[in-house]
Amino acid sequence: MVIETLERELFEDRQHQKSRPKSDSGPASAGSVMRCMQNLVEVVRARIESPERRKFIKYALASIISVIVTQIVLIFCYSGLKIDGEWSAFIASSIAAVPSYFLNRNWVWRKTGKSHMRKEVLPFWIMVFIGLGFSALIGYYADDAGQRLTDSHFVRTLIITGSNIAGFAILWVLKFIIFNKILFVHHPEDLDPVLDGRTGLPT
């Protein structure tokens, strides 16, 4: 989008310069450069300050919190309670799913009110269980690989936590798309009538 805007501005400036005397080419060229720079700044600012950009940044912050919670519980279960890797990953991801839901729904997508069981809660937990199965599978193979590679429980813990983060990263982008396009969409029927125009009042 930025490149297309700049190309369009340069094309218009070239067309404008062709219709002007050659003696005016210097100031016109300087003016075209300034206009291009101003347009570039405006386009970049619009992209940075766009709602989607802010939403993605907040989603990333919520994900970081979720990862921290997951890793704390995972290390506690695997190193402290000596639970197997796949079950440690399963427990950690289950506990982290609760704050993740409310952070994403209420803070990132700014949805208020009671959660909709069929449209929000059920699909979210279906995604959670898919992620839990994926996490447990990764934890199982990581634990097995760690036991074959080293006798150090500390190193095996690093292998388990590292594989868990890698699995989380694989699902991260996919979850954002589903949250943004399906799960936490603001439906007109969920809005106050004054906000969506159904009362005839200006919105």
Protein backbone atom coordinates (compact mmCIF):
# COMPACT_ATOMS: atom_id res chain seq x y z
CA MET A 1 0.00 0.00 0.00
CA VAL A 2 2.85 2.40 0.83
CA ILE A 3 4.67 1.63 -2.42
CA GLU A 4 1.52 2.07 -4.49
CA THR A 5 0.85 5.45 -2.88
CA LEU A 6 4.37 6.69 -3.57
CA GLU A 7 4.28 5.45 -7.17
CA ARG A 8 0.99 7.23 -7.73
CA GLU A 9 2.38 10.49 -6.29
CA LEU A 10 5.54 10.26 -8.40
CA PHE A 11 3.50 9.59 -11.53
CA GLU A 12 1.30 12.63 -10.85
CA ASP A 13 4.34 14.79 -10.23
CA ARG A 14 5.96 13.67 -13.49
CA GLN A 15 2.80 14.46 -15.38
CA HIS A 16 2.65 17.85 -13.68
CA GLN A 17 6.27 18.60 -14.53
CA LYS A 18 5.74 17.83 -18.23
CA SER A 19 3.18 20.63 -18.42
CA ARG A 20 5.53 23.19 -16.78
CA PRO A 21 8.43 25.09 -18.33
CA LYS A 22 11.88 23.56 -17.83
CA SER A 23 12.99 26.53 -15.76
CA ASP A 24 10.51 25.48 -13.06
CA SER A 25 11.75 21.86 -12.89
CA GLY A 26 14.00 22.48 -9.89
CA PRO A 27 11.38 23.82 -7.47
CA ALA A 28 8.82 21.34 -8.80
CA SER A 29 11.19 18.43 -8.13
CA ALA A 30 11.87 19.67 -4.62
CA GLY A 31 8.14 20.09 -4.02
CA SER A 32 7.41 16.58 -5.30
CA VAL A 33 9.98 15.09 -2.95
CA MET A 34 8.46 16.95 -0.01
CA ARG A 35 4.96 15.81 -0.96
CA CYS A 36 6.13 12.21 -1.27
CA MET A 37 7.79 12.36 2.15
CA GLN A 38 4.67 13.87 3.72
CA ASN A 39 2.49 11.21 2.14
CA LEU A 40 4.85 8.48 3.33
CA VAL A 41 4.69 9.80 6.90
CA GLU A 42 0.89 9.95 6.78
CA VAL A 43 0.58 6.42 5.40
CA VAL A 44 2.97 4.96 7.99
CA ARG A 45 1.20 6.83 10.79
CA ALA A 46 -2.17 5.57 9.62
CA ARG A 47 -0.88 2.00 9.58
CA ILE A 48 0.63 2.27 13.05
CA GLU A 49 -2.42 3.93 14.59
CA SER A 50 -4.96 1.65 12.90
CA PRO A 51 -7.37 -0.31 15.15
CA GLU A 52 -6.17 -3.61 13.72
CA ARG A 53 -2.56 -2.74 14.54
CA ARG A 54 -3.42 -1.84 18.13
CA LYS A 55 -5.50 -4.98 18.45
CA PHE A 56 -2.62 -7.14 17.24
CA ILE A 57 -0.21 -5.51 19.70
CA LYS A 58 -2.61 -6.11 22.59
CA TYR A 59 -3.09 -9.70 21.42
CA ALA A 60 0.69 -10.16 21.51
CA LEU A 61 0.85 -8.77 25.05
CA ALA A 62 -1.98 -11.05 26.19
CA SER A 63 -0.15 -13.97 24.60
CA ILE A 64 3.05 -13.10 26.48
CA ILE A 65 1.11 -13.18 29.76
CA SER A 66 -0.37 -16.54 28.77
CA VAL A 67 3.08 -17.93 27.96
CA ILE A 68 4.46 -16.74 31.32
CA VAL A 69 1.61 -18.41 33.22
CA THR A 70 2.04 -21.59 31.18
CA GLN A 71 5.78 -21.78 31.77
CA ILE A 72 5.48 -21.16 35.53
CA VAL A 73 2.91 -23.93 35.93
CA LEU A 74 4.81 -26.23 33.55
CA ILE A 75 8.10 -25.87 35.44
CA PHE A 76 6.32 -26.33 38.76
CA CYS A 77 4.58 -29.51 37.60
CA TYR A 78 7.56 -31.04 35.81
CA SER A 79 10.42 -30.04 38.12
CA GLY A 80 8.58 -29.56 41.41
CA LEU A 81 5.90 -32.25 41.34
CA LYS A 82 7.83 -34.57 38.96
CA ILE A 83 4.80 -35.06 36.70
CA ASP A 84 5.42 -36.49 33.21
CA GLY A 85 6.10 -34.01 30.42
CA GLU A 86 2.85 -34.51 28.50
CA TRP A 87 0.69 -34.16 31.62
CA SER A 88 2.67 -31.15 32.82
CA ALA A 89 2.09 -29.46 29.45
CA PHE A 90 -1.59 -30.40 29.55
CA ILE A 91 -2.13 -28.98 33.07
CA ALA A 92 -0.16 -25.80 32.34
CA SER A 93 -2.03 -25.05 29.12
CA SER A 94 -5.40 -25.72 30.82
CA ILE A 95 -4.72 -23.27 33.63
CA ALA A 96 -3.34 -20.58 31.28
CA ALA A 97 -6.43 -20.84 29.06
CA VAL A 98 -8.64 -19.16 31.70
CA PRO A 99 -6.83 -15.78 31.91
CA SER A 100 -6.17 -16.00 28.16
CA TYR A 101 -9.92 -16.09 27.43
CA PHE A 102 -10.77 -13.05 29.51
CA LEU A 103 -7.73 -11.04 28.37
CA ASN A 104 -8.56 -11.62 24.71
CA ARG A 105 -12.31 -11.16 25.00
CA ASN A 106 -12.49 -8.19 27.38
CA TRP A 107 -9.21 -6.37 26.77
CA VAL A 108 -8.06 -7.13 23.21
CA TRP A 109 -11.44 -7.33 21.45
CA ARG A 110 -13.21 -5.11 24.01
CA LYS A 111 -16.29 -7.27 24.36
CA THR A 112 -18.37 -6.67 27.48
CA GLY A 113 -21.33 -8.33 29.07
CA LYS A 114 -22.06 -12.00 29.54
CA SER A 115 -20.14 -14.47 27.39
CA HIS A 116 -22.16 -16.25 24.71
CA MET A 117 -21.94 -20.00 25.34
CA ARG A 118 -22.43 -21.18 21.74
CA LYS A 119 -20.63 -18.38 19.91
CA GLU A 120 -17.72 -17.74 22.30
CA VAL A 121 -17.21 -20.13 25.21
CA LEU A 122 -17.75 -23.44 23.42
CA PRO A 123 -15.62 -22.59 20.32
CA PHE A 124 -12.87 -21.21 22.57
CA TRP A 125 -12.65 -24.39 24.63
CA ILE A 126 -12.74 -26.54 21.50
CA MET A 127 -9.67 -24.60 20.36
CA VAL A 128 -8.16 -25.01 23.83
CA PHE A 129 -8.59 -28.80 23.75
CA ILE A 130 -7.09 -28.98 20.27
CA GLY A 131 -4.17 -26.95 21.56
CA LEU A 132 -3.95 -29.13 24.67
CA GLY A 133 -3.73 -32.26 22.57
CA PHE A 134 -1.04 -30.65 20.44
CA SER A 135 0.79 -29.45 23.56
CA ALA A 136 0.60 -32.86 25.23
CA LEU A 137 1.90 -34.55 22.07
CA ILE A 138 4.83 -32.16 21.86
CA GLY A 139 5.47 -32.60 25.59
CA TYR A 140 5.50 -36.39 25.23
CA TYR A 141 8.04 -36.42 22.41
CA ALA A 142 10.13 -33.68 24.04
CA ASP A 143 10.23 -35.61 27.32
CA ASP A 144 11.16 -38.80 25.51
CA ALA A 145 13.91 -37.02 23.55
CA GLY A 146 15.22 -35.35 26.71
CA GLN A 147 15.49 -38.65 28.57
CA ARG A 148 17.41 -40.19 25.67
CA LEU A 149 19.72 -37.19 25.24
CA THR A 150 20.67 -36.29 28.82
CA ASP A 151 20.47 -37.38 32.46
CA SER A 152 20.18 -33.77 33.65
CA HIS A 153 16.68 -32.97 34.82
CA PHE A 154 17.44 -29.26 34.34
CA VAL A 155 18.31 -29.77 30.67
CA ARG A 156 15.22 -31.93 30.16
CA THR A 157 13.13 -29.14 31.71
CA LEU A 158 14.61 -26.68 29.19
CA ILE A 159 13.74 -29.07 26.36
CA ILE A 160 10.16 -29.41 27.61
CA THR A 161 9.61 -25.67 28.06
CA GLY A 162 11.28 -24.82 24.74
CA SER A 163 9.13 -27.30 22.82
CA ASN A 164 6.03 -25.93 24.53
CA ILE A 165 6.86 -22.37 23.42
CA ALA A 166 7.52 -23.62 19.87
CA GLY A 167 4.13 -25.33 19.77
CA PHE A 168 2.45 -22.20 21.10
CA ALA A 169 4.09 -20.11 18.35
CA ILE A 170 2.78 -22.45 15.64
CA LEU A 171 -0.82 -21.94 16.80
CA TRP A 172 -0.42 -18.24 17.65
CA VAL A 173 -1.17 -16.67 14.26
CA LEU A 174 -3.98 -19.12 13.52
CA LYS A 175 -5.67 -18.26 16.83
CA PHE A 176 -5.50 -14.54 16.10
CA ILE A 177 -7.26 -15.02 12.75
CA ILE A 178 -9.99 -17.15 14.35
CA PHE A 179 -10.45 -14.75 17.27
CA ASN A 180 -10.60 -11.72 14.96
CA LYS A 181 -12.81 -13.11 12.21
CA ILE A 182 -15.05 -15.60 14.01
CA LEU A 183 -14.93 -15.85 17.79
CA PHE A 184 -14.92 -12.29 19.13
CA VAL A 185 -16.67 -10.49 16.28
CA HIS A 186 -19.05 -7.74 17.38
CA HIS A 187 -22.42 -8.87 16.00
CA PRO A 188 -25.11 -6.18 15.42
CA GLU A 189 -27.63 -8.10 17.53
CA ASP A 190 -25.22 -7.96 20.48
CA LEU A 191 -24.96 -4.16 20.38
CA ASP A 192 -27.16 -1.66 22.15
CA PRO A 193 -29.88 -0.46 19.69
CA VAL A 194 -28.65 3.12 20.07
CA LEU A 195 -25.22 2.06 18.78
CA ASP A 196 -26.26 0.20 15.64
CA GLY A 197 -28.99 2.50 14.28
CA ARG A 198 -32.01 0.34 14.99
CA THR A 199 -33.68 3.10 17.02
CA GLY A 200 -33.45 5.61 14.20
CA LEU A 201 -31.15 7.75 16.30
CA PRO A 202 -27.83 8.92 14.83
CA THR A 203 -24.99 6.48 15.51
